[in-house]
Amino acid sequence: MTHYDPLKPPDPEQWRSLDEQAQLQFVQDYHRRARIRLPRATQHAVIHVIVENQILLGDETPVRRTVRRLISEGLDRHESIHALGSVLAAHVNDLLRGPDPGAEPIRSYYAALDDLTAEDWRRSG
């Protein structure tokens, strides 16, 4: 693998063959080359990597299906990764505040993905 482009799915075999540090570096290099300034570049890259790895799980999770739906609603793949990343970050933040007794965290994450729309993402700024 020579570079990462969030507008195109990475080759699954090549992406999986990289360790997480290399995946992070590819994502950070993309944003640097694209001259996208990020206040928290490392955290941004971590979210990208998590979402990309979840996409590669295929039908095991609703992530790939959600990306496809958001693209069909008019977002590009990079915007879709950001939209899913915002849901993921909110979910992790909620977990860090303390789990809701009796809640099933993964189900709430998946439900939030099912509720996410391109319009919601555009309105969020």
C-alpha atoms as a PDB file:
ATOM      1  CA  MET A   1       0.000   0.000   0.000  1.00  0.00           C
ATOM      2  CA  THR A   2       1.476   3.341  -1.021  1.00  0.00           C
ATOM      3  CA  HIS A   3      -1.140   5.786   0.243  1.00  0.00           C
ATOM      4  CA  TYR A   4      -4.581   6.175   1.813  1.00  0.00           C
ATOM      5  CA  ASP A   5      -7.499   7.945   0.160  1.00  0.00           C
ATOM      6  CA  PRO A   6     -10.732   8.064   2.195  1.00  0.00           C
ATOM      7  CA  LEU A   7     -12.715   8.646  -0.993  1.00  0.00           C
ATOM      8  CA  LYS A   8     -11.876   5.062  -2.030  1.00  0.00           C
ATOM      9  CA  PRO A   9     -12.041   1.911   0.074  1.00  0.00           C
ATOM     10  CA  PRO A  10      -8.565   0.614   0.845  1.00  0.00           C
ATOM     11  CA  ASP A  11      -7.681  -2.806  -0.488  1.00  0.00           C
ATOM     12  CA  PRO A  12      -8.832  -5.069   2.370  1.00  0.00           C
ATOM     13  CA  GLU A  13      -5.788  -7.365   2.286  1.00  0.00           C
ATOM     14  CA  GLN A  14      -3.306  -4.515   2.137  1.00  0.00           C
ATOM     15  CA  TRP A  15      -5.074  -2.514   4.867  1.00  0.00           C
ATOM     16  CA  ARG A  16      -5.311  -5.533   7.184  1.00  0.00           C
ATOM     17  CA  SER A  17      -1.638  -6.337   6.624  1.00  0.00           C
ATOM     18  CA  LEU A  18      -0.682  -2.995   8.196  1.00  0.00           C
ATOM     19  CA  ASP A  19      -0.351  -2.592  11.923  1.00  0.00           C
ATOM     20  CA  GLU A  20      -2.429   0.150  13.538  1.00  0.00           C
ATOM     21  CA  GLN A  21       0.502   2.574  13.691  1.00  0.00           C
ATOM     22  CA  ALA A  22       1.027   2.272   9.934  1.00  0.00           C
ATOM     23  CA  GLN A  23      -2.716   2.737   9.327  1.00  0.00           C
ATOM     24  CA  LEU A  24      -2.653   5.885  11.476  1.00  0.00           C
ATOM     25  CA  GLN A  25       0.361   7.191   9.581  1.00  0.00           C
ATOM     26  CA  PHE A  26      -1.343   6.664   6.208  1.00  0.00           C
ATOM     27  CA  VAL A  27      -4.424   8.566   7.415  1.00  0.00           C
ATOM     28  CA  GLN A  28      -2.331  11.401   8.829  1.00  0.00           C
ATOM     29  CA  ASP A  29      -0.275  11.569   5.621  1.00  0.00           C
ATOM     30  CA  TYR A  30      -3.469  11.851   3.560  1.00  0.00           C
ATOM     31  CA  HIS A  31      -4.732  14.813   5.579  1.00  0.00           C
ATOM     32  CA  ARG A  32      -1.309  16.487   5.433  1.00  0.00           C
ATOM     33  CA  ARG A  33      -1.078  16.017   1.642  1.00  0.00           C
ATOM     34  CA  ALA A  34      -4.635  17.327   1.235  1.00  0.00           C
ATOM     35  CA  ARG A  35      -3.671  20.338   3.397  1.00  0.00           C
ATOM     36  CA  ILE A  36      -6.535  19.634   5.769  1.00  0.00           C
ATOM     37  CA  ARG A  37      -5.716  21.325   9.051  1.00  0.00           C
ATOM     38  CA  LEU A  38      -6.931  19.460  12.089  1.00  0.00           C
ATOM     39  CA  PRO A  39      -6.721  20.643  15.693  1.00  0.00           C
ATOM     40  CA  ARG A  40      -6.402  17.057  16.946  1.00  0.00           C
ATOM     41  CA  ALA A  41      -4.830  15.205  14.025  1.00  0.00           C
ATOM     42  CA  THR A  42      -3.959  12.048  15.946  1.00  0.00           C
ATOM     43  CA  GLN A  43      -7.450  11.640  17.412  1.00  0.00           C
ATOM     44  CA  HIS A  44      -8.920  12.317  13.977  1.00  0.00           C
ATOM     45  CA  ALA A  45      -6.727   9.610  12.452  1.00  0.00           C
ATOM     46  CA  VAL A  46      -7.670   7.142  15.205  1.00  0.00           C
ATOM     47  CA  ILE A  47     -11.366   7.592  14.394  1.00  0.00           C
ATOM     48  CA  HIS A  48     -10.661   7.103  10.668  1.00  0.00           C
ATOM     49  CA  VAL A  49      -8.776   3.885  11.364  1.00  0.00           C
ATOM     50  CA  ILE A  50     -11.486   2.507  13.654  1.00  0.00           C
ATOM     51  CA  VAL A  51     -14.216   3.254  11.108  1.00  0.00           C
ATOM     52  CA  GLU A  52     -12.170   1.773   8.230  1.00  0.00           C
ATOM     53  CA  ASN A  53     -11.576  -1.383  10.273  1.00  0.00           C
ATOM     54  CA  GLN A  54     -15.262  -1.604  11.169  1.00  0.00           C
ATOM     55  CA  ILE A  55     -16.185  -1.236   7.483  1.00  0.00           C
ATOM     56  CA  LEU A  56     -13.954  -4.214   6.718  1.00  0.00           C
ATOM     57  CA  LEU A  57     -15.983  -6.344   9.127  1.00  0.00           C
ATOM     58  CA  GLY A  58     -18.621  -6.390   6.397  1.00  0.00           C
ATOM     59  CA  ASP A  59     -22.055  -7.499   7.468  1.00  0.00           C
ATOM     60  CA  GLU A  60     -20.953  -8.333  11.022  1.00  0.00           C
ATOM     61  CA  THR A  61     -21.861  -4.751  11.955  1.00  0.00           C
ATOM     62  CA  PRO A  62     -24.072  -2.052  10.392  1.00  0.00           C
ATOM     63  CA  VAL A  63     -21.063   0.189   9.678  1.00  0.00           C
ATOM     64  CA  ARG A  64     -20.484  -0.760   6.027  1.00  0.00           C
ATOM     65  CA  ARG A  65     -24.217  -0.607   5.329  1.00  0.00           C
ATOM     66  CA  THR A  66     -24.397   2.836   6.961  1.00  0.00           C
ATOM     67  CA  VAL A  67     -21.517   4.175   4.849  1.00  0.00           C
ATOM     68  CA  ARG A  68     -23.216   2.915   1.701  1.00  0.00           C
ATOM     69  CA  ARG A  69     -26.526   4.478   2.741  1.00  0.00           C
ATOM     70  CA  LEU A  70     -24.909   7.836   3.530  1.00  0.00           C
ATOM     71  CA  ILE A  71     -23.179   7.806   0.147  1.00  0.00           C
ATOM     72  CA  SER A  72     -26.524   7.075  -1.531  1.00  0.00           C
ATOM     73  CA  GLU A  73     -27.911  10.077   0.388  1.00  0.00           C
ATOM     74  CA  GLY A  74     -25.275  12.317  -1.188  1.00  0.00           C
ATOM     75  CA  LEU A  75     -22.227  12.286   1.087  1.00  0.00           C
ATOM     76  CA  ASP A  76     -18.883  11.270  -0.328  1.00  0.00           C
ATOM     77  CA  ARG A  77     -17.022   8.408   1.336  1.00  0.00           C
ATOM     78  CA  HIS A  78     -14.772  10.733   3.360  1.00  0.00           C
ATOM     79  CA  GLU A  79     -17.756  12.693   4.689  1.00  0.00           C
ATOM     80  CA  SER A  80     -19.455   9.399   5.521  1.00  0.00           C
ATOM     81  CA  ILE A  81     -16.441   8.284   7.539  1.00  0.00           C
ATOM     82  CA  HIS A  82     -16.589  11.581   9.430  1.00  0.00           C
ATOM     83  CA  ALA A  83     -20.319  11.180  10.067  1.00  0.00           C
ATOM     84  CA  LEU A  84     -19.817   7.676  11.445  1.00  0.00           C
ATOM     85  CA  GLY A  85     -16.802   8.892  13.372  1.00  0.00           C
ATOM     86  CA  SER A  86     -18.904  11.530  15.092  1.00  0.00           C
ATOM     87  CA  VAL A  87     -21.356   8.842  16.214  1.00  0.00           C
ATOM     88  CA  LEU A  88     -18.465   6.662  17.381  1.00  0.00           C
ATOM     89  CA  ALA A  89     -16.838   9.527  19.308  1.00  0.00           C
ATOM     90  CA  ALA A  90     -20.130  10.396  21.026  1.00  0.00           C
ATOM     91  CA  HIS A  91     -20.640   6.736  21.896  1.00  0.00           C
ATOM     92  CA  VAL A  92     -17.150   6.406  23.395  1.00  0.00           C
ATOM     93  CA  ASN A  93     -17.638   9.653  25.307  1.00  0.00           C
ATOM     94  CA  ASP A  94     -20.880   8.306  26.785  1.00  0.00           C
ATOM     95  CA  LEU A  95     -19.127   5.093  27.814  1.00  0.00           C
ATOM     96  CA  LEU A  96     -16.327   7.016  29.481  1.00  0.00           C
ATOM     97  CA  ARG A  97     -18.843   8.952  31.545  1.00  0.00           C
ATOM     98  CA  GLY A  98     -20.084   5.684  32.965  1.00  0.00           C
ATOM     99  CA  PRO A  99     -22.147   2.917  31.456  1.00  0.00           C
ATOM    100  CA  ASP A 100     -25.891   3.014  31.825  1.00  0.00           C
ATOM    101  CA  PRO A 101     -26.795   0.082  34.105  1.00  0.00           C
ATOM    102  CA  GLY A 102     -28.544  -2.606  32.113  1.00  0.00           C
ATOM    103  CA  ALA A 103     -27.721  -0.968  28.779  1.00  0.00           C
ATOM    104  CA  GLU A 104     -26.069  -2.850  25.956  1.00  0.00           C
ATOM    105  CA  PRO A 105     -23.518  -0.327  24.639  1.00  0.00           C
ATOM    106  CA  ILE A 106     -22.981  -1.908  21.252  1.00  0.00           C
ATOM    107  CA  ARG A 107     -26.723  -1.917  20.579  1.00  0.00           C
ATOM    108  CA  SER A 108     -26.961   1.806  21.311  1.00  0.00           C
ATOM    109  CA  TYR A 109     -24.046   2.477  18.942  1.00  0.00           C
ATOM    110  CA  TYR A 110     -25.657   0.430  16.187  1.00  0.00           C
ATOM    111  CA  ALA A 111     -29.030   2.121  16.783  1.00  0.00           C
ATOM    112  CA  ALA A 112     -27.365   5.531  16.477  1.00  0.00           C
ATOM    113  CA  LEU A 113     -25.814   4.442  13.173  1.00  0.00           C
ATOM    114  CA  ASP A 114     -29.211   3.297  11.918  1.00  0.00           C
ATOM    115  CA  ASP A 115     -30.669   6.702  12.851  1.00  0.00           C
ATOM    116  CA  LEU A 116     -27.848   8.714  11.225  1.00  0.00           C
ATOM    117  CA  THR A 117     -28.726  10.475   7.973  1.00  0.00           C
ATOM    118  CA  ALA A 118     -26.732  12.600   5.562  1.00  0.00           C
ATOM    119  CA  GLU A 119     -29.080  15.483   6.348  1.00  0.00           C
ATOM    120  CA  ASP A 120     -28.352  15.140  10.084  1.00  0.00           C
ATOM    121  CA  TRP A 121     -24.623  15.205   9.347  1.00  0.00           C
ATOM    122  CA  ARG A 122     -24.900  18.280   7.112  1.00  0.00           C
ATOM    123  CA  ARG A 123     -26.911  20.133   9.762  1.00  0.00           C
ATOM    124  CA  SER A 124     -24.401  19.283  12.472  1.00  0.00           C
ATOM    125  CA  GLY A 125     -21.907  21.644  10.871  1.00  0.00           C
END
